[in-house]
Amino acid sequence: QVQLVESGGGLVQAGESLRLSCSVSSRTTTFSNYAMAWFRQAPGKEREFVAALNRGGGSTVYADSVKGRFTISRDNAKKMAYLQMNSLKPEDTAIYYCAVHRYPFASPSVDLNEYSPWGQGTQVTVSS
């Protein structure tokens, strides 16, 4: 059973930065075998893809809305994933979730249905 816990959210002003962390715990799953992703959900909107990376962290995918501002990374030894968010905008306000791909050795995907389990989310609020 895999459990994910996000942290690092908060209230910031536009233009500032935040670093989200995702801690992964599992007794049986080898974290380094799975692609990871971050998604977000704003009030009244559907959950949307933000960023994903492959098992080794060398291949990444970003949503156009965050490309050049956000950086996804991972530390397999620590079973951690991160999302560095720079130049934040009010439209980045949302609950941010990390997720593990359903299948080992799969490529990172933008489809939320390919990810399970999920963390409980961390709130990011950007004021103008």
C-alpha atoms as a PDB file:
ATOM      1  CA  GLN A   1       0.000   0.000   0.000  1.00  0.00           C
ATOM      2  CA  VAL A   2       1.397   3.354  -1.091  1.00  0.00           C
ATOM      3  CA  GLN A   3       0.726   6.581   0.779  1.00  0.00           C
ATOM      4  CA  LEU A   4       1.598  10.068  -0.409  1.00  0.00           C
ATOM      5  CA  VAL A   5       1.756  13.213   1.694  1.00  0.00           C
ATOM      6  CA  GLU A   6       2.166  16.663   0.168  1.00  0.00           C
ATOM      7  CA  SER A   7       3.525  19.671   2.000  1.00  0.00           C
ATOM      8  CA  GLY A   8       4.886  23.135   1.338  1.00  0.00           C
ATOM      9  CA  GLY A   9       1.767  24.968   0.250  1.00  0.00           C
ATOM     10  CA  GLY A  10       0.841  28.384   1.548  1.00  0.00           C
ATOM     11  CA  LEU A  11      -0.165  31.957   0.796  1.00  0.00           C
ATOM     12  CA  VAL A  12       2.234  34.012  -1.316  1.00  0.00           C
ATOM     13  CA  GLN A  13       2.119  37.142  -3.432  1.00  0.00           C
ATOM     14  CA  ALA A  14       2.314  37.123  -7.187  1.00  0.00           C
ATOM     15  CA  GLY A  15       5.873  36.755  -8.399  1.00  0.00           C
ATOM     16  CA  GLU A  16       7.044  34.805  -5.369  1.00  0.00           C
ATOM     17  CA  SER A  17       8.087  31.163  -5.160  1.00  0.00           C
ATOM     18  CA  LEU A  18       7.072  27.999  -3.335  1.00  0.00           C
ATOM     19  CA  ARG A  19       8.499  24.499  -3.220  1.00  0.00           C
ATOM     20  CA  LEU A  20       6.075  21.648  -2.773  1.00  0.00           C
ATOM     21  CA  SER A  21       7.207  18.283  -1.464  1.00  0.00           C
ATOM     22  CA  CYS A  22       5.647  14.858  -1.763  1.00  0.00           C
ATOM     23  CA  SER A  23       6.690  12.090   0.589  1.00  0.00           C
ATOM     24  CA  VAL A  24       5.987   8.535  -0.581  1.00  0.00           C
ATOM     25  CA  SER A  25       5.786   5.619   1.793  1.00  0.00           C
ATOM     26  CA  SER A  26       5.307   1.983   0.932  1.00  0.00           C
ATOM     27  CA  ARG A  27       6.279  -1.334   2.412  1.00  0.00           C
ATOM     28  CA  THR A  28       6.344  -3.162  -0.908  1.00  0.00           C
ATOM     29  CA  THR A  29       6.432  -0.694  -3.809  1.00  0.00           C
ATOM     30  CA  THR A  30       9.776   0.325  -5.271  1.00  0.00           C
ATOM     31  CA  PHE A  31       9.375   4.074  -5.672  1.00  0.00           C
ATOM     32  CA  SER A  32      12.079   4.345  -8.299  1.00  0.00           C
ATOM     33  CA  ASN A  33      10.095   2.112 -10.680  1.00  0.00           C
ATOM     34  CA  TYR A  34       7.242   4.581 -11.074  1.00  0.00           C
ATOM     35  CA  ALA A  35       6.682   7.834 -12.902  1.00  0.00           C
ATOM     36  CA  MET A  36       5.383  10.673 -10.725  1.00  0.00           C
ATOM     37  CA  ALA A  37       3.192  13.672 -11.426  1.00  0.00           C
ATOM     38  CA  TRP A  38       1.695  16.793  -9.946  1.00  0.00           C
ATOM     39  CA  PHE A  39      -1.860  17.908 -10.676  1.00  0.00           C
ATOM     40  CA  ARG A  40      -3.910  20.803  -9.346  1.00  0.00           C
ATOM     41  CA  GLN A  41      -7.541  21.658  -8.849  1.00  0.00           C
ATOM     42  CA  ALA A  42      -8.904  25.167  -8.523  1.00  0.00           C
ATOM     43  CA  PRO A  43     -12.333  25.854  -6.980  1.00  0.00           C
ATOM     44  CA  GLY A  44     -15.091  24.954  -9.398  1.00  0.00           C
ATOM     45  CA  LYS A  45     -12.695  23.489 -11.928  1.00  0.00           C
ATOM     46  CA  GLU A  46     -11.590  20.014 -12.892  1.00  0.00           C
ATOM     47  CA  ARG A  47      -8.292  18.585 -11.755  1.00  0.00           C
ATOM     48  CA  GLU A  48      -5.623  19.421 -14.306  1.00  0.00           C
ATOM     49  CA  PHE A  49      -2.162  18.211 -15.149  1.00  0.00           C
ATOM     50  CA  VAL A  50       0.803  20.307 -14.037  1.00  0.00           C
ATOM     51  CA  ALA A  51       3.994  18.282 -14.461  1.00  0.00           C
ATOM     52  CA  ALA A  52       5.321  14.726 -14.604  1.00  0.00           C
ATOM     53  CA  LEU A  53       8.646  12.959 -14.717  1.00  0.00           C
ATOM     54  CA  ASN A  54       9.937   9.503 -15.403  1.00  0.00           C
ATOM     55  CA  ARG A  55      11.450   6.968 -13.027  1.00  0.00           C
ATOM     56  CA  GLY A  56      14.950   8.377 -13.131  1.00  0.00           C
ATOM     57  CA  GLY A  57      13.911  12.014 -13.266  1.00  0.00           C
ATOM     58  CA  GLY A  58      15.611  12.696 -16.560  1.00  0.00           C
ATOM     59  CA  SER A  59      12.474  13.076 -18.665  1.00  0.00           C
ATOM     60  CA  THR A  60       9.849  15.660 -17.788  1.00  0.00           C
ATOM     61  CA  VAL A  61       6.533  16.908 -19.145  1.00  0.00           C
ATOM     62  CA  TYR A  62       4.915  20.226 -18.282  1.00  0.00           C
ATOM     63  CA  ALA A  63       1.598  21.897 -18.893  1.00  0.00           C
ATOM     64  CA  ASP A  64       1.982  24.900 -21.154  1.00  0.00           C
ATOM     65  CA  SER A  65       0.643  27.159 -18.408  1.00  0.00           C
ATOM     66  CA  VAL A  66       3.593  26.384 -16.100  1.00  0.00           C
ATOM     67  CA  LYS A  67       6.395  25.701 -18.564  1.00  0.00           C
ATOM     68  CA  GLY A  68       9.436  27.806 -17.757  1.00  0.00           C
ATOM     69  CA  ARG A  69       8.174  28.639 -14.260  1.00  0.00           C
ATOM     70  CA  PHE A  70       7.756  25.259 -12.541  1.00  0.00           C
ATOM     71  CA  THR A  71      10.308  22.463 -12.146  1.00  0.00           C
ATOM     72  CA  ILE A  72       9.480  18.901 -11.131  1.00  0.00           C
ATOM     73  CA  SER A  73      12.132  16.689  -9.579  1.00  0.00           C
ATOM     74  CA  ARG A  74      12.538  13.611  -7.429  1.00  0.00           C
ATOM     75  CA  ASP A  75      14.945  11.977  -5.003  1.00  0.00           C
ATOM     76  CA  ASN A  76      14.483   8.241  -5.256  1.00  0.00           C
ATOM     77  CA  ALA A  77      16.732   7.506  -2.297  1.00  0.00           C
ATOM     78  CA  LYS A  78      14.525   9.645  -0.066  1.00  0.00           C
ATOM     79  CA  LYS A  79      11.276   8.617  -1.801  1.00  0.00           C
ATOM     80  CA  MET A  80      10.448  12.257  -2.379  1.00  0.00           C
ATOM     81  CA  ALA A  81       9.091  14.298  -5.273  1.00  0.00           C
ATOM     82  CA  TYR A  82       9.194  18.073  -5.533  1.00  0.00           C
ATOM     83  CA  LEU A  83       7.590  20.897  -7.451  1.00  0.00           C
ATOM     84  CA  GLN A  84       9.530  24.157  -7.492  1.00  0.00           C
ATOM     85  CA  MET A  85       7.155  26.958  -8.441  1.00  0.00           C
ATOM     86  CA  ASN A  86       8.607  30.324  -9.431  1.00  0.00           C
ATOM     87  CA  SER A  87       6.988  33.516 -10.689  1.00  0.00           C
ATOM     88  CA  LEU A  88       3.674  32.458  -9.242  1.00  0.00           C
ATOM     89  CA  LYS A  89       0.490  33.976 -10.610  1.00  0.00           C
ATOM     90  CA  PRO A  90      -2.983  34.304  -9.076  1.00  0.00           C
ATOM     91  CA  GLU A  91      -4.234  31.749 -11.602  1.00  0.00           C
ATOM     92  CA  ASP A  92      -1.888  29.187 -10.021  1.00  0.00           C
ATOM     93  CA  THR A  93      -4.123  29.197  -6.938  1.00  0.00           C
ATOM     94  CA  ALA A  94      -5.338  25.631  -6.384  1.00  0.00           C
ATOM     95  CA  ILE A  95      -4.967  22.508  -4.324  1.00  0.00           C
ATOM     96  CA  TYR A  96      -1.883  20.670  -5.570  1.00  0.00           C
ATOM     97  CA  TYR A  97      -1.751  16.877  -5.577  1.00  0.00           C
ATOM     98  CA  CYS A  98       1.076  14.461  -6.219  1.00  0.00           C
ATOM     99  CA  ALA A  99       0.423  11.026  -7.645  1.00  0.00           C
ATOM    100  CA  VAL A 100       2.212   7.835  -8.604  1.00  0.00           C
ATOM    101  CA  HIS A 101       1.664   6.173 -11.968  1.00  0.00           C
ATOM    102  CA  ARG A 102      -0.446   3.038 -11.772  1.00  0.00           C
ATOM    103  CA  TYR A 103       2.087   0.864 -13.565  1.00  0.00           C
ATOM    104  CA  PRO A 104       5.807   0.362 -13.026  1.00  0.00           C
ATOM    105  CA  PHE A 105       8.173   1.322 -15.846  1.00  0.00           C
ATOM    106  CA  ALA A 106       5.455   3.335 -17.615  1.00  0.00           C
ATOM    107  CA  SER A 107       6.285   6.653 -19.227  1.00  0.00           C
ATOM    108  CA  PRO A 108       5.045   9.841 -17.556  1.00  0.00           C
ATOM    109  CA  SER A 109       1.557  10.810 -18.686  1.00  0.00           C
ATOM    110  CA  VAL A 110      -0.675  13.877 -18.580  1.00  0.00           C
ATOM    111  CA  ASP A 111      -3.780  11.720 -18.021  1.00  0.00           C
ATOM    112  CA  LEU A 112      -4.895  11.748 -14.401  1.00  0.00           C
ATOM    113  CA  ASN A 113      -6.626   8.393 -14.869  1.00  0.00           C
ATOM    114  CA  GLU A 114      -3.222   6.771 -15.227  1.00  0.00           C
ATOM    115  CA  TYR A 115      -2.235   7.758 -11.700  1.00  0.00           C
ATOM    116  CA  SER A 116      -3.097   6.127  -8.416  1.00  0.00           C
ATOM    117  CA  PRO A 117      -2.737   6.580  -5.529  1.00  0.00           C
ATOM    118  CA  TRP A 118      -2.938  10.284  -4.749  1.00  0.00           C
ATOM    119  CA  GLY A 119      -1.999  12.430  -1.806  1.00  0.00           C
ATOM    120  CA  GLN A 120      -4.477  14.551   0.143  1.00  0.00           C
ATOM    121  CA  GLY A 121      -3.293  17.777  -1.487  1.00  0.00           C
ATOM    122  CA  THR A 122      -1.735  21.019  -0.307  1.00  0.00           C
ATOM    123  CA  GLN A 123      -3.297  24.446  -0.800  1.00  0.00           C
ATOM    124  CA  VAL A 124      -1.438  27.088  -2.768  1.00  0.00           C
ATOM    125  CA  THR A 125      -2.896  30.587  -2.774  1.00  0.00           C
ATOM    126  CA  VAL A 126      -1.351  33.398  -4.800  1.00  0.00           C
ATOM    127  CA  SER A 127      -2.559  36.921  -4.126  1.00  0.00           C
ATOM    128  CA  SER A 128      -2.301  39.723  -6.667  1.00  0.00           C
END
